[in-house]
N, C-alpha and C. Protein backbone atom coordinates (compact mmCIF):
# COMPACT_ATOMS: atom_id res chain seq x y z
N UNK A 1 -65.58 -57.49 14.73
CA UNK A 1 -67.09 -57.60 14.36
C UNK A 1 -67.49 -58.75 14.32
N UNK A 2 -66.57 -59.76 13.61
CA UNK A 2 -67.47 -60.83 13.44
C UNK A 2 -67.37 -61.89 14.58
N UNK A 3 -66.55 -61.72 15.58
CA UNK A 3 -66.13 -62.59 16.59
C UNK A 3 -66.63 -61.80 17.67
N UNK A 4 -66.75 -60.39 17.75
CA UNK A 4 -67.17 -59.91 19.41
C UNK A 4 -68.67 -58.66 18.45
N UNK A 5 -69.46 -59.06 18.38
CA UNK A 5 -70.63 -58.36 17.90
C UNK A 5 -71.14 -56.97 18.20
N UNK A 6 -70.64 -57.00 19.61
CA UNK A 6 -70.71 -55.72 20.29
C UNK A 6 -69.59 -54.47 19.84
N UNK A 7 -69.09 -54.49 19.13
CA UNK A 7 -68.38 -53.39 18.49
C UNK A 7 -69.19 -53.11 17.17
N UNK A 8 -70.29 -53.41 16.69
CA UNK A 8 -70.70 -53.22 15.33
C UNK A 8 -71.38 -51.87 15.66
N UNK A 9 -71.21 -50.29 14.92
CA UNK A 9 -71.94 -49.35 14.93
C UNK A 9 -70.89 -48.85 15.82
N UNK A 10 -69.87 -49.15 16.52
CA UNK A 10 -69.07 -48.37 17.32
C UNK A 10 -67.63 -48.00 16.74
N UNK A 11 -67.27 -48.21 15.63
CA UNK A 11 -66.16 -47.26 14.96
C UNK A 11 -64.91 -47.80 15.79
N UNK A 12 -64.72 -49.22 15.96
CA UNK A 12 -63.52 -49.41 16.78
C UNK A 12 -63.55 -50.63 16.53
N UNK A 13 -62.39 -51.75 16.24
CA UNK A 13 -62.02 -52.97 16.65
C UNK A 13 -60.52 -53.36 17.25
N UNK A 14 -60.86 -54.51 17.82
CA UNK A 14 -59.29 -54.96 18.16
C UNK A 14 -58.92 -56.65 17.73
N UNK A 15 -57.65 -56.47 17.88
CA UNK A 15 -57.16 -57.79 17.95
C UNK A 15 -55.83 -58.20 18.49
N UNK A 16 -56.02 -59.53 19.24
CA UNK A 16 -54.55 -60.11 19.37
C UNK A 16 -54.01 -60.85 19.16
N UNK A 17 -52.77 -60.61 18.32
CA UNK A 17 -52.05 -61.24 17.40
C UNK A 17 -50.92 -61.94 18.36
N UNK A 18 -50.88 -63.42 18.22
CA UNK A 18 -49.39 -63.97 18.59
C UNK A 18 -48.59 -64.30 17.41
N UNK A 19 -47.14 -64.05 17.50
CA UNK A 19 -46.28 -64.48 16.49
C UNK A 19 -45.33 -65.49 16.86
N UNK A 20 -45.47 -66.90 16.62
CA UNK A 20 -44.76 -67.71 17.35
C UNK A 20 -43.14 -67.20 16.75
N UNK A 21 -42.18 -68.15 17.71
CA UNK A 21 -40.61 -67.59 16.98
C UNK A 21 -40.76 -67.86 15.21
N UNK A 22 -40.22 -66.82 14.94
CA UNK A 22 -39.84 -66.69 13.70
C UNK A 22 -40.61 -66.56 12.59
N UNK A 23 -41.73 -66.23 13.04
CA UNK A 23 -42.90 -66.03 12.28
C UNK A 23 -43.36 -64.72 11.49
N UNK A 24 -44.29 -64.47 10.53
CA UNK A 24 -44.28 -62.97 9.93
C UNK A 24 -45.94 -62.89 9.95
N UNK A 25 -46.74 -61.69 10.19
CA UNK A 25 -47.87 -61.50 9.22
C UNK A 25 -47.55 -60.83 8.25
N UNK A 26 -47.73 -61.77 7.07
CA UNK A 26 -47.38 -60.91 5.50
C UNK A 26 -47.46 -59.75 5.42
N UNK A 27 -47.14 -58.90 4.20
CA UNK A 27 -47.54 -57.67 3.79
C UNK A 27 -49.07 -58.25 3.70
N UNK A 28 -49.86 -56.79 4.17
CA UNK A 28 -51.34 -56.28 3.91
C UNK A 28 -51.55 -55.21 4.23
N UNK A 29 -52.99 -55.21 3.89
CA UNK A 29 -53.56 -53.66 3.60
C UNK A 29 -54.70 -53.73 4.68
N UNK A 30 -54.95 -52.59 4.95
CA UNK A 30 -56.29 -52.18 5.87
C UNK A 30 -57.18 -51.18 5.23
N UNK A 31 -58.15 -51.71 4.40
CA UNK A 31 -58.60 -50.66 3.43
C UNK A 31 -59.36 -49.36 3.97
N UNK A 32 -60.03 -49.91 5.30
CA UNK A 32 -60.73 -49.13 6.17
C UNK A 32 -60.45 -48.35 7.51
N UNK A 33 -59.27 -48.35 7.72
CA UNK A 33 -58.89 -48.00 9.06
C UNK A 33 -57.37 -48.27 9.35
N UNK A 34 -57.01 -46.71 9.82
CA UNK A 34 -55.19 -47.10 10.30
C UNK A 34 -55.35 -48.36 11.39
N UNK A 35 -53.95 -48.70 11.80
CA UNK A 35 -53.84 -49.33 13.05
C UNK A 35 -53.05 -49.24 13.81
N UNK A 36 -53.42 -49.35 15.10
CA UNK A 36 -52.58 -48.98 15.59
C UNK A 36 -52.13 -50.27 16.20
N UNK A 37 -50.35 -50.60 16.45
CA UNK A 37 -50.11 -51.87 16.85
C UNK A 37 -49.34 -51.28 18.43
N UNK A 38 -49.66 -52.23 19.58
CA UNK A 38 -49.24 -52.44 20.61
C UNK A 38 -48.54 -53.57 21.23
N UNK A 39 -47.11 -53.87 21.21
CA UNK A 39 -46.66 -55.20 21.52
C UNK A 39 -46.60 -55.56 23.13
N UNK A 40 -47.26 -56.47 23.67
CA UNK A 40 -47.47 -56.67 25.15
C UNK A 40 -46.52 -57.74 25.17
N UNK A 41 -45.63 -58.50 24.89
CA UNK A 41 -44.71 -59.45 25.00
C UNK A 41 -44.17 -59.98 23.75
N UNK A 42 -42.49 -59.49 24.23
CA UNK A 42 -41.32 -59.87 22.82
C UNK A 42 -41.49 -58.84 22.14
N UNK A 43 -40.57 -59.17 20.92
CA UNK A 43 -40.25 -58.09 19.86
C UNK A 43 -40.52 -58.48 18.48
N UNK A 44 -40.92 -57.39 17.63
CA UNK A 44 -41.04 -57.70 16.57
C UNK A 44 -40.73 -56.31 15.73
N UNK A 45 -40.21 -56.95 14.88
CA UNK A 45 -39.59 -55.58 13.45
C UNK A 45 -40.93 -55.64 12.56
N UNK A 46 -41.61 -54.27 12.36
CA UNK A 46 -42.50 -53.79 11.72
C UNK A 46 -41.88 -52.98 10.79
N UNK A 47 -42.74 -52.72 9.71
CA UNK A 47 -42.49 -51.51 8.32
C UNK A 47 -43.87 -51.65 8.12
N UNK A 48 -43.84 -50.40 7.21
CA UNK A 48 -45.32 -50.39 6.19
C UNK A 48 -44.40 -49.55 5.03
N UNK A 49 -45.10 -49.17 3.79
CA UNK A 49 -44.56 -48.88 2.46
C UNK A 49 -45.52 -47.40 2.30
N UNK A 50 -44.90 -46.54 1.94
CA UNK A 50 -45.72 -45.08 1.73
C UNK A 50 -46.08 -44.92 0.55
N UNK A 51 -46.81 -43.67 0.21
CA UNK A 51 -47.51 -43.58 -1.33
C UNK A 51 -46.14 -43.65 -2.68
N UNK A 52 -44.78 -43.50 -2.01
CA UNK A 52 -43.68 -42.89 -2.81
C UNK A 52 -43.24 -43.99 -2.90
N UNK A 53 -43.49 -45.19 -2.47
CA UNK A 53 -42.67 -46.38 -2.14
C UNK A 53 -41.54 -46.38 -1.19
N UNK A 54 -42.07 -45.87 -0.13
CA UNK A 54 -40.65 -45.36 0.82
C UNK A 54 -40.97 -46.38 1.80
N UNK A 55 -39.99 -47.44 2.18
CA UNK A 55 -40.22 -48.20 3.45
C UNK A 55 -40.02 -47.23 4.82
N UNK A 56 -40.88 -47.42 5.64
CA UNK A 56 -40.43 -47.28 7.15
C UNK A 56 -40.51 -48.63 7.99
N UNK A 57 -39.40 -48.72 8.37
CA UNK A 57 -38.91 -49.81 9.82
C UNK A 57 -38.97 -49.25 10.94
N UNK A 58 -39.04 -50.44 11.83
CA UNK A 58 -38.90 -50.23 13.38
C UNK A 58 -38.94 -51.54 13.86
N UNK A 59 -38.08 -51.60 14.96
CA UNK A 59 -37.93 -52.48 15.71
C UNK A 59 -38.98 -51.88 16.85
N UNK A 60 -39.74 -53.34 17.49
CA UNK A 60 -40.56 -52.75 18.65
C UNK A 60 -40.08 -53.78 19.69
N UNK A 61 -39.74 -53.07 20.65
CA UNK A 61 -39.92 -53.96 21.92
C UNK A 61 -41.07 -53.86 22.90
N UNK A 62 -41.33 -54.71 23.74
CA UNK A 62 -42.64 -54.47 24.69
C UNK A 62 -42.73 -53.65 25.48
N UNK A 63 -44.23 -53.08 25.09
CA UNK A 63 -44.50 -51.82 25.62
C UNK A 63 -44.46 -50.80 24.40
N UNK A 64 -43.67 -50.92 23.53
CA UNK A 64 -43.87 -50.35 22.11
C UNK A 64 -45.17 -50.09 21.40
N UNK A 65 -45.65 -49.14 20.92
CA UNK A 65 -46.54 -49.02 20.18
C UNK A 65 -45.93 -48.15 18.93
N UNK A 66 -47.07 -48.41 17.60
CA UNK A 66 -46.29 -48.18 16.25
C UNK A 66 -47.93 -47.80 15.21
N UNK A 67 -47.94 -46.92 14.68
CA UNK A 67 -49.37 -46.79 13.94
C UNK A 67 -48.90 -46.92 12.48
N UNK A 68 -49.77 -47.89 11.84
CA UNK A 68 -49.80 -47.83 10.47
C UNK A 68 -50.85 -47.47 9.82
N UNK A 69 -50.48 -46.50 8.72
CA UNK A 69 -51.51 -45.87 7.99
C UNK A 69 -52.57 -46.63 7.44
N UNK A 70 -53.66 -45.92 7.32
CA UNK A 70 -54.84 -46.56 6.38
C UNK A 70 -54.55 -46.46 5.04
N UNK A 71 -54.97 -48.01 4.61
CA UNK A 71 -55.08 -48.50 3.27
C UNK A 71 -53.50 -48.36 3.09
N UNK A 72 -52.42 -48.46 3.93
CA UNK A 72 -50.75 -48.81 3.18
C UNK A 72 -50.13 -50.12 3.39
N UNK A 73 -49.33 -50.54 2.88
CA UNK A 73 -49.09 -52.15 2.59
C UNK A 73 -48.27 -52.06 4.07
N UNK A 74 -48.46 -52.98 5.10
CA UNK A 74 -47.26 -53.04 6.05
C UNK A 74 -47.45 -54.62 6.62
N UNK A 75 -46.61 -55.01 7.45
CA UNK A 75 -46.31 -56.26 7.95
C UNK A 75 -45.55 -55.95 9.43
N UNK A 76 -45.78 -57.40 9.84
CA UNK A 76 -45.04 -57.69 11.13
C UNK A 76 -43.98 -58.87 11.07
N UNK A 77 -42.75 -58.95 11.89
CA UNK A 77 -41.91 -59.98 11.57
C UNK A 77 -41.34 -59.96 12.92
N UNK A 78 -41.54 -61.59 13.74
CA UNK A 78 -40.65 -61.97 14.78
C UNK A 78 -39.35 -62.37 14.36
N UNK A 79 -38.83 -61.89 14.57
CA UNK A 79 -37.26 -62.28 14.16
C UNK A 79 -36.47 -63.30 15.21
N UNK A 80 -37.17 -63.04 16.56
CA UNK A 80 -36.56 -64.11 17.46
C UNK A 80 -36.63 -65.59 17.25
N UNK A 81 -35.46 -66.12 16.99
CA UNK A 81 -35.19 -67.85 16.43
C UNK A 81 -36.02 -68.86 17.61
N UNK A 82 -36.40 -68.21 19.13
CA UNK A 82 -36.68 -69.17 20.06
C UNK A 82 -38.20 -68.15 20.55
N UNK A 83 -38.25 -66.96 21.01
CA UNK A 83 -39.34 -66.91 21.51
C UNK A 83 -40.58 -66.42 20.65
N UNK A 84 -41.83 -66.31 21.54
CA UNK A 84 -43.01 -65.69 20.59
C UNK A 84 -43.19 -64.19 20.96
N UNK A 85 -43.66 -63.66 20.61
CA UNK A 85 -44.26 -62.34 20.68
C UNK A 85 -45.91 -62.31 20.34
N UNK A 86 -46.52 -61.03 21.13
CA UNK A 86 -47.82 -61.02 21.25
C UNK A 86 -47.97 -59.46 21.62
N UNK A 87 -48.99 -59.13 20.32
CA UNK A 87 -49.36 -57.55 20.37
C UNK A 87 -50.88 -57.43 20.19
N UNK A 88 -51.47 -56.40 20.61
CA UNK A 88 -52.98 -55.80 20.56
C UNK A 88 -52.99 -54.74 19.45
N UNK A 89 -53.66 -55.16 18.15
CA UNK A 89 -54.04 -54.16 17.38
C UNK A 89 -55.06 -53.39 17.54
N UNK A 90 -55.49 -51.78 17.95
CA UNK A 90 -56.75 -51.44 17.32
C UNK A 90 -56.87 -50.88 16.20
N UNK A 91 -58.23 -50.58 15.59
CA UNK A 91 -58.45 -49.75 14.22
C UNK A 91 -59.87 -48.81 14.67
N UNK A 92 -59.57 -47.99 13.60
CA UNK A 92 -60.81 -46.88 13.93
C UNK A 92 -61.90 -47.76 12.93
N UNK A 93 -62.18 -48.73 13.14
CA UNK A 93 -63.36 -49.17 12.38
C UNK A 93 -63.38 -50.33 12.99
N UNK A 94 -65.12 -50.91 13.09
CA UNK A 94 -65.66 -52.33 13.20
C UNK A 94 -65.14 -53.54 12.36
N UNK A 95 -64.73 -52.52 10.96
CA UNK A 95 -64.61 -53.80 10.23
C UNK A 95 -63.59 -53.09 9.19
N UNK A 96 -62.46 -53.11 9.48
CA UNK A 96 -61.15 -52.45 8.86
C UNK A 96 -60.71 -53.31 7.71
N UNK A 97 -61.30 -54.59 7.77
CA UNK A 97 -60.73 -55.30 6.32
C UNK A 97 -59.11 -55.54 6.47
N UNK A 98 -59.08 -56.72 5.85
CA UNK A 98 -57.70 -57.34 5.80
C UNK A 98 -57.56 -57.47 3.95
N UNK A 99 -56.53 -57.22 3.32
CA UNK A 99 -56.50 -57.94 2.14
C UNK A 99 -54.85 -58.29 2.07
N UNK A 100 -54.26 -59.38 2.30
CA UNK A 100 -53.42 -60.07 2.48
C UNK A 100 -52.33 -60.23 0.66
N UNK A 101 -51.70 -59.61 0.58
CA UNK A 101 -51.10 -59.42 -0.65
C UNK A 101 -50.80 -60.65 -1.08
N UNK A 102 -49.83 -61.82 -0.52
CA UNK A 102 -49.59 -63.03 -1.07
C UNK A 102 -50.70 -63.58 -1.36
N UNK A 103 -52.08 -63.68 -0.80
CA UNK A 103 -52.74 -64.57 -0.90
C UNK A 103 -53.96 -63.86 -2.19
N UNK A 104 -54.28 -62.23 -1.98
CA UNK A 104 -54.46 -61.70 -3.08
C UNK A 104 -53.87 -61.67 -4.58
N UNK A 105 -52.76 -61.89 -4.50
CA UNK A 105 -52.22 -61.88 -5.83
C UNK A 105 -51.81 -63.37 -6.59
N UNK A 106 -51.61 -64.32 -5.47
CA UNK A 106 -51.24 -65.56 -6.00
C UNK A 106 -52.35 -66.59 -5.60
N UNK A 107 -53.28 -66.72 -5.07
CA UNK A 107 -54.46 -67.41 -4.74
C UNK A 107 -56.02 -67.28 -5.36
N UNK A 108 -55.78 -66.05 -5.80
CA UNK A 108 -57.01 -65.81 -6.23
C UNK A 108 -57.46 -66.41 -7.80
N UNK A 109 -56.61 -66.45 -8.53
CA UNK A 109 -56.64 -67.04 -9.97
C UNK A 109 -56.35 -65.63 -10.90
N UNK A 110 -55.20 -65.00 -10.70
CA UNK A 110 -55.22 -63.77 -11.78
C UNK A 110 -54.06 -64.38 -12.53
N UNK A 111 -54.02 -64.97 -13.86
CA UNK A 111 -53.74 -65.05 -14.76
C UNK A 111 -52.21 -65.23 -14.29
N UNK A 112 -51.56 -66.12 -14.41
CA UNK A 112 -50.35 -66.42 -14.35
C UNK A 112 -48.89 -65.63 -15.37
N UNK A 113 -50.18 -65.67 -16.75
CA UNK A 113 -48.91 -64.39 -17.75
C UNK A 113 -48.81 -63.24 -16.99
N UNK A 114 -50.27 -62.31 -16.32
CA UNK A 114 -50.14 -61.49 -15.69
C UNK A 114 -49.59 -61.24 -14.67
N UNK A 115 -49.22 -62.23 -14.03
CA UNK A 115 -48.28 -61.94 -12.68
C UNK A 115 -46.89 -62.10 -13.24
N UNK A 116 -46.27 -62.96 -14.30
CA UNK A 116 -44.95 -62.97 -14.96
C UNK A 116 -44.49 -62.12 -15.47
N UNK A 117 -45.57 -61.29 -16.19
CA UNK A 117 -45.42 -60.07 -16.27
C UNK A 117 -44.61 -58.85 -15.75
N UNK A 118 -45.85 -58.76 -14.35
CA UNK A 118 -45.93 -57.74 -13.52
C UNK A 118 -44.27 -57.81 -12.67
N UNK A 119 -44.45 -59.22 -12.54
CA UNK A 119 -43.24 -59.48 -11.68
C UNK A 119 -41.81 -59.81 -12.10
N UNK A 120 -41.74 -59.51 -13.67
CA UNK A 120 -40.60 -59.69 -14.35
C UNK A 120 -39.92 -61.08 -13.75
N UNK A 121 -40.61 -61.89 -14.42
CA UNK A 121 -40.43 -63.63 -14.01
C UNK A 121 -40.94 -64.16 -15.00
N UNK A 122 -40.83 -65.53 -14.83
CA UNK A 122 -41.39 -66.59 -15.66
C UNK A 122 -42.78 -67.01 -15.37
N UNK A 123 -43.50 -67.91 -15.72
CA UNK A 123 -44.59 -68.85 -15.17
C UNK A 123 -44.38 -69.29 -14.45
N UNK A 124 -43.63 -69.69 -14.57
CA UNK A 124 -42.79 -71.61 -13.74
C UNK A 124 -42.53 -70.87 -12.40
N UNK A 125 -41.81 -69.67 -12.42
CA UNK A 125 -41.78 -68.77 -11.07
C UNK A 125 -42.97 -68.77 -10.50
N UNK A 126 -43.89 -68.19 -11.10
CA UNK A 126 -45.41 -67.64 -10.53
C UNK A 126 -46.33 -69.12 -10.31
N UNK A 127 -46.08 -70.44 -10.59
CA UNK A 127 -46.57 -71.22 -10.04
C UNK A 127 -45.59 -72.12 -9.04
N UNK A 128 -44.65 -72.00 -8.86
CA UNK A 128 -44.03 -72.51 -7.59
C UNK A 128 -44.86 -71.44 -6.45
N UNK A 129 -45.02 -70.01 -6.75
CA UNK A 129 -45.11 -68.97 -6.02
C UNK A 129 -46.83 -70.23 -5.28
N UNK A 130 -47.25 -69.70 -6.29
CA UNK A 130 -48.90 -70.34 -5.97
C UNK A 130 -48.88 -71.20 -5.59
N UNK A 131 -48.29 -72.42 -5.71
CA UNK A 131 -48.50 -73.87 -5.48
C UNK A 131 -47.87 -73.98 -3.89
N UNK A 132 -46.71 -73.04 -3.53
CA UNK A 132 -46.69 -72.80 -1.89
C UNK A 132 -47.79 -72.04 -0.91
N UNK A 133 -48.80 -71.55 -1.87
CA UNK A 133 -49.69 -71.03 -1.21
C UNK A 133 -50.77 -71.51 -0.76
N UNK A 134 -50.91 -72.67 -1.71
CA UNK A 134 -52.36 -73.22 -2.04
C UNK A 134 -52.73 -73.67 -0.52
N UNK A 135 -54.15 -73.46 -0.40
CA UNK A 135 -54.46 -73.92 0.85
C UNK A 135 -54.21 -75.75 0.78
N UNK A 136 -54.23 -75.77 2.23
CA UNK A 136 -53.87 -77.54 2.68
C UNK A 136 -55.00 -78.29 2.43
N UNK A 137 -54.63 -79.24 1.71
CA UNK A 137 -56.05 -80.23 1.53
C UNK A 137 -56.28 -81.08 3.14
């Protein structure tokens, strides 16, 4: 909606996603919409985790479609080391929202001790993760 205001009030949203070789769209959720992903060029490995923590994955080829249920953690990965991929995402909302898990967990200022306990690791490891996700100056 921010980039195409004509979608305001129409209950739909679209995005064109470009995946350079070997890149990922990291685990994230859309709290206000399901997502329909249509691969228009290349291949993508995709998956989502349901509410029982079961992982569902699929390898998609050009012309394939996949649905990510509303609010569930999901990802896309272009495992091809030499070729890019392009997909179109359609949403049942003009403002589906995106919650990127790496950024939400490691860039927002959640206490290092909380994260270390939650991930059963140490504060030094959490600080390394945070440093790797810090915005480039």
